[in-house]
Amino acid sequence: MQSENRFFDDLVKVANGALGSLANLGTEVENRIKDQAERVLARMDLVRREEFEAVKAMAAKARAEQEALEARLASLEAELARLKSPAANDSGPTVA
């Protein structure tokens, strides 16, 4: 009976050692995959999120300024057309 218990104790020790090794192997594989993925991404021409967000904000600001300038230009063109129209010329000189 004693030898049977010792056999099971040894079997449990071997199983625990194998499970510990498998857990370490999983961690090692995960770390190697992360390292490889980082190397692949480093070789690509990618930008960081912060840089992308900064450029995105600059583009939005430029778009808003462009729209404001378009509105101002349309207003000035309308004013110029009004001043060039024959009805504007009949009313006499205007004071600026």
PDB file of N, CA and C in Angstrom:
ATOM      1  N   MET A   1       0.815  -1.189   0.000  1.00  0.00           N
ATOM      2  CA  MET A   1       0.000   0.000   0.000  1.00  0.00           C
ATOM      3  C   MET A   1       0.865   1.262   0.000  1.00  0.00           C
ATOM      4  N   GLN A   2       1.960   1.183   0.777  1.00  0.00           N
ATOM      5  CA  GLN A   2       2.849   2.335   0.874  1.00  0.00           C
ATOM      6  C   GLN A   2       3.474   2.630  -0.490  1.00  0.00           C
ATOM      7  N   SER A   3       3.852   1.594  -1.244  1.00  0.00           N
ATOM      8  CA  SER A   3       4.478   1.819  -2.544  1.00  0.00           C
ATOM      9  C   SER A   3       3.477   2.376  -3.543  1.00  0.00           C
ATOM     10  N   GLU A   4       2.203   1.993  -3.389  1.00  0.00           N
ATOM     11  CA  GLU A   4       1.168   2.530  -4.274  1.00  0.00           C
ATOM     12  C   GLU A   4       0.972   4.023  -4.024  1.00  0.00           C
ATOM     13  N   ASN A   5       0.958   4.437  -2.751  1.00  0.00           N
ATOM     14  CA  ASN A   5       0.826   5.859  -2.427  1.00  0.00           C
ATOM     15  C   ASN A   5       2.031   6.642  -2.932  1.00  0.00           C
ATOM     16  N   ARG A   6       3.197   6.043  -2.810  1.00  0.00           N
ATOM     17  CA  ARG A   6       4.394   6.723  -3.267  1.00  0.00           C
ATOM     18  C   ARG A   6       4.360   6.885  -4.791  1.00  0.00           C
ATOM     19  N   PHE A   7       3.857   5.885  -5.485  1.00  0.00           N
ATOM     20  CA  PHE A   7       3.731   5.967  -6.938  1.00  0.00           C
ATOM     21  C   PHE A   7       2.809   7.117  -7.334  1.00  0.00           C
ATOM     22  N   PHE A   8       1.665   7.217  -6.637  1.00  0.00           N
ATOM     23  CA  PHE A   8       0.729   8.299  -6.945  1.00  0.00           C
ATOM     24  C   PHE A   8       1.313   9.665  -6.584  1.00  0.00           C
ATOM     25  N   ASP A   9       2.053   9.729  -5.478  1.00  0.00           N
ATOM     26  CA  ASP A   9       2.711  10.987  -5.108  1.00  0.00           C
ATOM     27  C   ASP A   9       3.703  11.411  -6.188  1.00  0.00           C
ATOM     28  N   ASP A  10       4.487  10.436  -6.667  1.00  0.00           N
ATOM     29  CA  ASP A  10       5.445  10.753  -7.731  1.00  0.00           C
ATOM     30  C   ASP A  10       4.724  11.167  -9.016  1.00  0.00           C
ATOM     31  N   LEU A  11       3.633  10.477  -9.314  1.00  0.00           N
ATOM     32  CA  LEU A  11       2.858  10.809 -10.500  1.00  0.00           C
ATOM     33  C   LEU A  11       2.285  12.229 -10.404  1.00  0.00           C
ATOM     34  N   VAL A  12       1.799  12.608  -9.225  1.00  0.00           N
ATOM     35  CA  VAL A  12       1.271  13.959  -9.005  1.00  0.00           C
ATOM     36  C   VAL A  12       2.381  14.987  -9.161  1.00  0.00           C
ATOM     37  N   LYS A  13       3.573  14.687  -8.635  1.00  0.00           N
ATOM     38  CA  LYS A  13       4.698  15.619  -8.762  1.00  0.00           C
ATOM     39  C   LYS A  13       5.080  15.822 -10.224  1.00  0.00           C
ATOM     40  N   VAL A  14       5.121  14.728 -10.986  1.00  0.00           N
ATOM     41  CA  VAL A  14       5.453  14.825 -12.408  1.00  0.00           C
ATOM     42  C   VAL A  14       4.389  15.632 -13.145  1.00  0.00           C
ATOM     43  N   ALA A  15       3.113  15.375 -12.831  1.00  0.00           N
ATOM     44  CA  ALA A  15       2.026  16.109 -13.486  1.00  0.00           C
ATOM     45  C   ALA A  15       2.098  17.594 -13.143  1.00  0.00           C
ATOM     46  N   ASN A  16       2.361  17.929 -11.888  1.00  0.00           N
ATOM     47  CA  ASN A  16       2.482  19.341 -11.498  1.00  0.00           C
ATOM     48  C   ASN A  16       3.647  20.012 -12.215  1.00  0.00           C
ATOM     49  N   GLY A  17       4.759  19.308 -12.325  1.00  0.00           N
ATOM     50  CA  GLY A  17       5.905  19.855 -13.042  1.00  0.00           C
ATOM     51  C   GLY A  17       5.583  20.086 -14.506  1.00  0.00           C
ATOM     52  N   ALA A  18       4.863  19.132 -15.115  1.00  0.00           N
ATOM     53  CA  ALA A  18       4.493  19.284 -16.524  1.00  0.00           C
ATOM     54  C   ALA A  18       3.546  20.456 -16.715  1.00  0.00           C
ATOM     55  N   LEU A  19       2.579  20.599 -15.817  1.00  0.00           N
ATOM     56  CA  LEU A  19       1.639  21.725 -15.927  1.00  0.00           C
ATOM     57  C   LEU A  19       2.348  23.057 -15.730  1.00  0.00           C
ATOM     58  N   GLY A  20       3.277  23.097 -14.798  1.00  0.00           N
ATOM     59  CA  GLY A  20       4.058  24.324 -14.601  1.00  0.00           C
ATOM     60  C   GLY A  20       4.860  24.668 -15.837  1.00  0.00           C
ATOM     61  N   SER A  21       5.443  23.653 -16.467  1.00  0.00           N
ATOM     62  CA  SER A  21       6.217  23.879 -17.688  1.00  0.00           C
ATOM     63  C   SER A  21       5.321  24.355 -18.821  1.00  0.00           C
ATOM     64  N   LEU A  22       4.136  23.781 -18.922  1.00  0.00           N
ATOM     65  CA  LEU A  22       3.207  24.217 -19.967  1.00  0.00           C
ATOM     66  C   LEU A  22       2.771  25.665 -19.749  1.00  0.00           C
ATOM     67  N   ALA A  23       2.549  26.047 -18.498  1.00  0.00           N
ATOM     68  CA  ALA A  23       2.156  27.429 -18.211  1.00  0.00           C
ATOM     69  C   ALA A  23       3.283  28.378 -18.602  1.00  0.00           C
ATOM     70  N   ASN A  24       4.515  28.003 -18.263  1.00  0.00           N
ATOM     71  CA  ASN A  24       5.661  28.838 -18.636  1.00  0.00           C
ATOM     72  C   ASN A  24       5.835  28.883 -20.145  1.00  0.00           C
ATOM     73  N   LEU A  25       5.601  27.761 -20.796  1.00  0.00           N
ATOM     74  CA  LEU A  25       5.700  27.714 -22.250  1.00  0.00           C
ATOM     75  C   LEU A  25       4.672  28.642 -22.894  1.00  0.00           C
ATOM     76  N   GLY A  26       3.458  28.656 -22.373  1.00  0.00           N
ATOM     77  CA  GLY A  26       2.420  29.549 -22.894  1.00  0.00           C
ATOM     78  C   GLY A  26       2.813  31.006 -22.750  1.00  0.00           C
ATOM     79  N   THR A  27       3.362  31.365 -21.605  1.00  0.00           N
ATOM     80  CA  THR A  27       3.812  32.740 -21.383  1.00  0.00           C
ATOM     81  C   THR A  27       4.953  33.092 -22.336  1.00  0.00           C
ATOM     82  N   GLU A  28       5.878  32.163 -22.530  1.00  0.00           N
ATOM     83  CA  GLU A  28       7.000  32.393 -23.433  1.00  0.00           C
ATOM     84  C   GLU A  28       6.520  32.576 -24.872  1.00  0.00           C
ATOM     85  N   VAL A  29       5.587  31.738 -25.314  1.00  0.00           N
ATOM     86  CA  VAL A  29       5.046  31.853 -26.670  1.00  0.00           C
ATOM     87  C   VAL A  29       4.338  33.195 -26.837  1.00  0.00           C
ATOM     88  N   GLU A  30       3.561  33.578 -25.837  1.00  0.00           N
ATOM     89  CA  GLU A  30       2.849  34.869 -25.901  1.00  0.00           C
ATOM     90  C   GLU A  30       3.837  36.026 -26.020  1.00  0.00           C
ATOM     91  N   ASN A  31       4.903  35.999 -25.230  1.00  0.00           N
ATOM     92  CA  ASN A  31       5.903  37.069 -25.283  1.00  0.00           C
ATOM     93  C   ASN A  31       6.598  37.113 -26.642  1.00  0.00           C
ATOM     94  N   ARG A  32       6.911  35.952 -27.199  1.00  0.00           N
ATOM     95  CA  ARG A  32       7.571  35.928 -28.508  1.00  0.00           C
ATOM     96  C   ARG A  32       6.649  36.438 -29.609  1.00  0.00           C
ATOM     97  N   ILE A  33       5.380  36.107 -29.530  1.00  0.00           N
ATOM     98  CA  ILE A  33       4.418  36.603 -30.528  1.00  0.00           C
ATOM     99  C   ILE A  33       4.294  38.121 -30.433  1.00  0.00           C
ATOM    100  N   LYS A  34       4.231  38.641 -29.206  1.00  0.00           N
ATOM    101  CA  LYS A  34       4.163  40.100 -29.029  1.00  0.00           C
ATOM    102  C   LYS A  34       5.406  40.782 -29.600  1.00  0.00           C
ATOM    103  N   ASP A  35       6.576  40.207 -29.315  1.00  0.00           N
ATOM    104  CA  ASP A  35       7.818  40.787 -29.837  1.00  0.00           C
ATOM    105  C   ASP A  35       7.829  40.780 -31.364  1.00  0.00           C
ATOM    106  N   GLN A  36       7.404  39.682 -31.946  1.00  0.00           N
ATOM    107  CA  GLN A  36       7.384  39.584 -33.416  1.00  0.00           C
ATOM    108  C   GLN A  36       6.395  40.582 -34.009  1.00  0.00           C
ATOM    109  N   ALA A  37       5.232  40.724 -33.389  1.00  0.00           N
ATOM    110  CA  ALA A  37       4.237  41.680 -33.879  1.00  0.00           C
ATOM    111  C   ALA A  37       4.771  43.106 -33.788  1.00  0.00           C
ATOM    112  N   GLU A  38       5.466  43.421 -32.696  1.00  0.00           N
ATOM    113  CA  GLU A  38       6.051  44.759 -32.556  1.00  0.00           C
ATOM    114  C   GLU A  38       7.106  45.012 -33.631  1.00  0.00           C
ATOM    115  N   ARG A  39       7.910  43.993 -33.951  1.00  0.00           N
ATOM    116  CA  ARG A  39       8.916  44.149 -35.000  1.00  0.00           C
ATOM    117  C   ARG A  39       8.263  44.382 -36.357  1.00  0.00           C
ATOM    118  N   VAL A  40       7.217  43.648 -36.648  1.00  0.00           N
ATOM    119  CA  VAL A  40       6.520  43.818 -37.925  1.00  0.00           C
ATOM    120  C   VAL A  40       5.912  45.213 -38.009  1.00  0.00           C
ATOM    121  N   LEU A  41       5.264  45.648 -36.946  1.00  0.00           N
ATOM    122  CA  LEU A  41       4.659  46.984 -36.945  1.00  0.00           C
ATOM    123  C   LEU A  41       5.709  48.078 -37.031  1.00  0.00           C
ATOM    124  N   ALA A  42       6.869  47.853 -36.422  1.00  0.00           N
ATOM    125  CA  ALA A  42       7.936  48.858 -36.474  1.00  0.00           C
ATOM    126  C   ALA A  42       8.453  49.026 -37.899  1.00  0.00           C
ATOM    127  N   ARG A  43       8.449  47.934 -38.698  1.00  0.00           N
ATOM    128  CA  ARG A  43       8.914  48.019 -40.081  1.00  0.00           C
ATOM    129  C   ARG A  43       7.907  48.708 -40.983  1.00  0.00           C
ATOM    130  N   MET A  44       6.642  48.729 -40.590  1.00  0.00           N
ATOM    131  CA  MET A  44       5.617  49.391 -41.394  1.00  0.00           C
ATOM    132  C   MET A  44       5.699  50.890 -41.172  1.00  0.00           C
ATOM    133  N   ASP A  45       5.189  51.622 -42.118  1.00  0.00           N
ATOM    134  CA  ASP A  45       5.204  53.083 -42.023  1.00  0.00           C
ATOM    135  C   ASP A  45       3.890  53.536 -41.398  1.00  0.00           C
ATOM    136  N   LEU A  46       3.777  53.330 -40.085  1.00  0.00           N
ATOM    137  CA  LEU A  46       2.550  53.680 -39.366  1.00  0.00           C
ATOM    138  C   LEU A  46       2.789  54.886 -38.470  1.00  0.00           C
ATOM    139  N   VAL A  47       1.723  55.592 -38.166  1.00  0.00           N
ATOM    140  CA  VAL A  47       1.821  56.732 -37.253  1.00  0.00           C
ATOM    141  C   VAL A  47       1.144  56.368 -35.938  1.00  0.00           C
ATOM    142  N   ARG A  48       1.576  57.047 -34.901  1.00  0.00           N
ATOM    143  CA  ARG A  48       0.954  56.826 -33.596  1.00  0.00           C
ATOM    144  C   ARG A  48      -0.383  57.549 -33.552  1.00  0.00           C
ATOM    145  N   ARG A  49      -1.259  57.095 -32.680  1.00  0.00           N
ATOM    146  CA  ARG A  49      -2.596  57.671 -32.562  1.00  0.00           C
ATOM    147  C   ARG A  49      -2.517  59.164 -32.240  1.00  0.00           C
ATOM    148  N   GLU A  50      -1.586  59.561 -31.367  1.00  0.00           N
ATOM    149  CA  GLU A  50      -1.473  60.978 -30.987  1.00  0.00           C
ATOM    150  C   GLU A  50      -1.150  61.840 -32.205  1.00  0.00           C
ATOM    151  N   GLU A  51      -0.230  61.357 -33.042  1.00  0.00           N
ATOM    152  CA  GLU A  51       0.125  62.100 -34.244  1.00  0.00           C
ATOM    153  C   GLU A  51      -1.061  62.185 -35.199  1.00  0.00           C
ATOM    154  N   PHE A  52      -1.783  61.081 -35.347  1.00  0.00           N
ATOM    155  CA  PHE A  52      -2.957  61.062 -36.220  1.00  0.00           C
ATOM    156  C   PHE A  52      -4.010  62.041 -35.730  1.00  0.00           C
ATOM    157  N   GLU A  53      -4.275  62.048 -34.425  1.00  0.00           N
ATOM    158  CA  GLU A  53      -5.289  62.954 -33.872  1.00  0.00           C
ATOM    159  C   GLU A  53      -4.874  64.412 -34.053  1.00  0.00           C
ATOM    160  N   ALA A  54      -3.576  64.707 -33.922  1.00  0.00           N
ATOM    161  CA  ALA A  54      -3.102  66.081 -34.114  1.00  0.00           C
ATOM    162  C   ALA A  54      -3.316  66.527 -35.560  1.00  0.00           C
ATOM    163  N   VAL A  55      -2.977  65.682 -36.506  1.00  0.00           N
ATOM    164  CA  VAL A  55      -3.163  66.031 -37.922  1.00  0.00           C
ATOM    165  C   VAL A  55      -4.649  66.141 -38.247  1.00  0.00           C
ATOM    166  N   LYS A  56      -5.454  65.283 -37.654  1.00  0.00           N
ATOM    167  CA  LYS A  56      -6.901  65.331 -37.871  1.00  0.00           C
ATOM    168  C   LYS A  56      -7.475  66.657 -37.367  1.00  0.00           C
ATOM    169  N   ALA A  57      -7.010  67.112 -36.210  1.00  0.00           N
ATOM    170  CA  ALA A  57      -7.474  68.400 -35.676  1.00  0.00           C
ATOM    171  C   ALA A  57      -7.032  69.553 -36.569  1.00  0.00           C
ATOM    172  N   MET A  58      -5.801  69.485 -37.073  1.00  0.00           N
ATOM    173  CA  MET A  58      -5.320  70.539 -37.973  1.00  0.00           C
ATOM    174  C   MET A  58      -6.148  70.567 -39.251  1.00  0.00           C
ATOM    175  N   ALA A  59      -6.502  69.409 -39.777  1.00  0.00           N
ATOM    176  CA  ALA A  59      -7.307  69.345 -41.003  1.00  0.00           C
ATOM    177  C   ALA A  59      -8.704  69.906 -40.767  1.00  0.00           C
ATOM    178  N   ALA A  60      -9.287  69.614 -39.609  1.00  0.00           N
ATOM    179  CA  ALA A  60     -10.614  70.148 -39.301  1.00  0.00           C
ATOM    180  C   ALA A  60     -10.571  71.667 -39.180  1.00  0.00           C
ATOM    181  N   LYS A  61      -9.514  72.185 -38.559  1.00  0.00           N
ATOM    182  CA  LYS A  61      -9.369  73.640 -38.431  1.00  0.00           C
ATOM    183  C   LYS A  61      -9.192  74.282 -39.807  1.00  0.00           C
ATOM    184  N   ALA A  62      -8.368  73.673 -40.653  1.00  0.00           N
ATOM    185  CA  ALA A  62      -8.147  74.210 -42.001  1.00  0.00           C
ATOM    186  C   ALA A  62      -9.448  74.184 -42.799  1.00  0.00           C
ATOM    187  N   ARG A  63     -10.230  73.127 -42.639  1.00  0.00           N
ATOM    188  CA  ARG A  63     -11.515  73.026 -43.350  1.00  0.00           C
ATOM    189  C   ARG A  63     -12.463  74.140 -42.903  1.00  0.00           C
ATOM    190  N   ALA A  64     -12.531  74.391 -41.600  1.00  0.00           N
ATOM    191  CA  ALA A  64     -13.405  75.446 -41.089  1.00  0.00           C
ATOM    192  C   ALA A  64     -12.955  76.813 -41.608  1.00  0.00           C
ATOM    193  N   GLU A  65     -11.653  77.052 -41.630  1.00  0.00           N
ATOM    194  CA  GLU A  65     -11.137  78.322 -42.153  1.00  0.00           C
ATOM    195  C   GLU A  65     -11.444  78.460 -43.643  1.00  0.00           C
ATOM    196  N   GLN A  66     -11.312  77.368 -44.385  1.00  0.00           N
ATOM    197  CA  GLN A  66     -11.608  77.401 -45.813  1.00  0.00           C
ATOM    198  C   GLN A  66     -13.078  77.723 -46.053  1.00  0.00           C
ATOM    199  N   GLU A  67     -13.960  77.127 -45.275  1.00  0.00           N
ATOM    200  CA  GLU A  67     -15.393  77.403 -45.433  1.00  0.00           C
ATOM    201  C   GLU A  67     -15.709  78.855 -45.098  1.00  0.00           C
ATOM    202  N   ALA A  68     -15.055  79.397 -44.065  1.00  0.00           N
ATOM    203  CA  ALA A  68     -15.265  80.806 -43.723  1.00  0.00           C
ATOM    204  C   ALA A  68     -14.772  81.714 -44.846  1.00  0.00           C
ATOM    205  N   LEU A  69     -13.636  81.383 -45.428  1.00  0.00           N
ATOM    206  CA  LEU A  69     -13.114  82.183 -46.542  1.00  0.00           C
ATOM    207  C   LEU A  69     -14.004  82.079 -47.775  1.00  0.00           C
ATOM    208  N   GLU A  70     -14.558  80.897 -48.031  1.00  0.00           N
ATOM    209  CA  GLU A  70     -15.482  80.744 -49.155  1.00  0.00           C
ATOM    210  C   GLU A  70     -16.715  81.628 -48.963  1.00  0.00           C
ATOM    211  N   ALA A  71     -17.231  81.665 -47.739  1.00  0.00           N
ATOM    212  CA  ALA A  71     -18.401  82.498 -47.457  1.00  0.00           C
ATOM    213  C   ALA A  71     -18.050  83.977 -47.626  1.00  0.00           C
ATOM    214  N   ARG A  72     -16.883  84.367 -47.156  1.00  0.00           N
ATOM    215  CA  ARG A  72     -16.457  85.764 -47.284  1.00  0.00           C
ATOM    216  C   ARG A  72     -16.270  86.135 -48.751  1.00  0.00           C
ATOM    217  N   LEU A  73     -15.672  85.230 -49.533  1.00  0.00           N
ATOM    218  CA  LEU A  73     -15.478  85.485 -50.956  1.00  0.00           C
ATOM    219  C   LEU A  73     -16.817  85.617 -51.671  1.00  0.00           C
ATOM    220  N   ALA A  74     -17.763  84.764 -51.353  1.00  0.00           N
ATOM    221  CA  ALA A  74     -19.088  84.843 -51.978  1.00  0.00           C
ATOM    222  C   ALA A  74     -19.748  86.175 -51.637  1.00  0.00           C
ATOM    223  N   SER A  75     -19.586  86.625 -50.408  1.00  0.00           N
ATOM    224  CA  SER A  75     -20.153  87.903 -49.996  1.00  0.00           C
ATOM    225  C   SER A  75     -19.504  89.059 -50.764  1.00  0.00           C
ATOM    226  N   LEU A  76     -18.196  89.015 -50.882  1.00  0.00           N
ATOM    227  CA  LEU A  76     -17.495  90.078 -51.606  1.00  0.00           C
ATOM    228  C   LEU A  76     -17.844  90.063 -53.097  1.00  0.00           C
ATOM    229  N   GLU A  77     -17.983  88.874 -53.681  1.00  0.00           N
ATOM    230  CA  GLU A  77     -18.374  88.789 -55.084  1.00  0.00           C
ATOM    231  C   GLU A  77     -19.790  89.322 -55.292  1.00  0.00           C
ATOM    232  N   ALA A  78     -20.677  89.055 -54.356  1.00  0.00           N
ATOM    233  CA  ALA A  78     -22.041  89.578 -54.457  1.00  0.00           C
ATOM    234  C   ALA A  78     -22.033  91.096 -54.347  1.00  0.00           C
ATOM    235  N   GLU A  79     -21.225  91.614 -53.451  1.00  0.00           N
ATOM    236  CA  GLU A  79     -21.124  93.078 -53.298  1.00  0.00           C
ATOM    237  C   GLU A  79     -20.540  93.708 -54.569  1.00  0.00           C
ATOM    238  N   LEU A  80     -19.542  93.078 -55.150  1.00  0.00           N
ATOM    239  CA  LEU A  80     -18.950  93.583 -56.381  1.00  0.00           C
ATOM    240  C   LEU A  80     -19.958  93.542 -57.523  1.00  0.00           C
ATOM    241  N   ALA A  81     -20.710  92.481 -57.623  1.00  0.00           N
ATOM    242  CA  ALA A  81     -21.734  92.379 -58.670  1.00  0.00           C
ATOM    243  C   ALA A  81     -22.794  93.457 -58.468  1.00  0.00           C
ATOM    244  N   ARG A  82     -23.163  93.721 -57.213  1.00  0.00           N
ATOM    245  CA  ARG A  82     -24.161  94.756 -56.937  1.00  0.00           C
ATOM    246  C   ARG A  82     -23.630  96.121 -57.352  1.00  0.00           C
ATOM    247  N   LEU A  83     -22.350  96.382 -57.088  1.00  0.00           N
ATOM    248  CA  LEU A  83     -21.770  97.676 -57.439  1.00  0.00           C
ATOM    249  C   LEU A  83     -21.623  97.837 -58.950  1.00  0.00           C
ATOM    250  N   LYS A  84     -21.441  96.763 -59.670  1.00  0.00           N
ATOM    251  CA  LYS A  84     -21.285  96.824 -61.120  1.00  0.00           C
ATOM    252  C   LYS A  84     -22.615  96.853 -61.854  1.00  0.00           C
ATOM    253  N   SER A  85     -23.684  96.549 -61.193  1.00  0.00           N
ATOM    254  CA  SER A  85     -24.982  96.489 -61.877  1.00  0.00           C
ATOM    255  C   SER A  85     -25.412  97.896 -62.314  1.00  0.00           C
ATOM    256  N   PRO A  86     -26.210  98.005 -63.397  1.00  0.00           N
ATOM    257  CA  PRO A  86     -26.634  99.314 -63.908  1.00  0.00           C
ATOM    258  C   PRO A  86     -27.475 100.080 -62.890  1.00  0.00           C
ATOM    259  N   ALA A  87     -28.230  99.429 -62.067  1.00  0.00           N
ATOM    260  CA  ALA A  87     -29.062 100.126 -61.086  1.00  0.00           C
ATOM    261  C   ALA A  87     -28.193 100.831 -60.064  1.00  0.00           C
ATOM    262  N   ALA A  88     -27.066 100.252 -59.718  1.00  0.00           N
ATOM    263  CA  ALA A  88     -26.176 100.873 -58.747  1.00  0.00           C
ATOM    264  C   ALA A  88     -25.514 102.115 -59.331  1.00  0.00           C
ATOM    265  N   ASN A  89     -25.275 102.110 -60.642  1.00  0.00           N
ATOM    266  CA  ASN A  89     -24.632 103.243 -61.292  1.00  0.00           C
ATOM    267  C   ASN A  89     -25.594 104.427 -61.414  1.00  0.00           C
ATOM    268  N   ASP A  90     -26.898 104.182 -61.484  1.00  0.00           N
ATOM    269  CA  ASP A  90     -27.883 105.247 -61.618  1.00  0.00           C
ATOM    270  C   ASP A  90     -28.104 106.003 -60.309  1.00  0.00           C
ATOM    271  N   SER A  91     -27.798 105.410 -59.206  1.00  0.00           N
ATOM    272  CA  SER A  91     -28.090 106.054 -57.936  1.00  0.00           C
ATOM    273  C   SER A  91     -27.038 107.085 -57.564  1.00  0.00           C
ATOM    274  N   GLY A  92     -26.037 107.225 -58.344  1.00  0.00           N
ATOM    275  CA  GLY A  92     -25.037 108.241 -58.076  1.00  0.00           C
ATOM    276  C   GLY A  92     -23.862 107.668 -57.327  1.00  0.00           C
ATOM    277  N   PRO A  93     -22.921 108.524 -56.989  1.00  0.00           N
ATOM    278  CA  PRO A  93     -21.705 108.049 -56.303  1.00  0.00           C
ATOM    279  C   PRO A  93     -22.042 107.625 -54.880  1.00  0.00           C
ATOM    280  N   THR A  94     -21.346 106.601 -54.449  1.00  0.00           N
ATOM    281  CA  THR A  94     -21.537 106.134 -53.088  1.00  0.00           C
ATOM    282  C   THR A  94     -20.324 106.495 -52.275  1.00  0.00           C
ATOM    283  N   VAL A  95     -20.536 106.746 -51.005  1.00  0.00           N
ATOM    284  CA  VAL A  95     -19.452 107.108 -50.111  1.00  0.00           C
ATOM    285  C   VAL A  95     -18.997 105.848 -49.398  1.00  0.00           C
ATOM    286  N   ALA A  96     -17.732 105.589 -49.443  1.00  0.00           N
ATOM    287  CA  ALA A  96     -17.212 104.362 -48.833  1.00  0.00           C
ATOM    288  C   ALA A  96     -16.757 104.581 -47.432  1.00  0.00           C
TER     289      ALA A  96
END
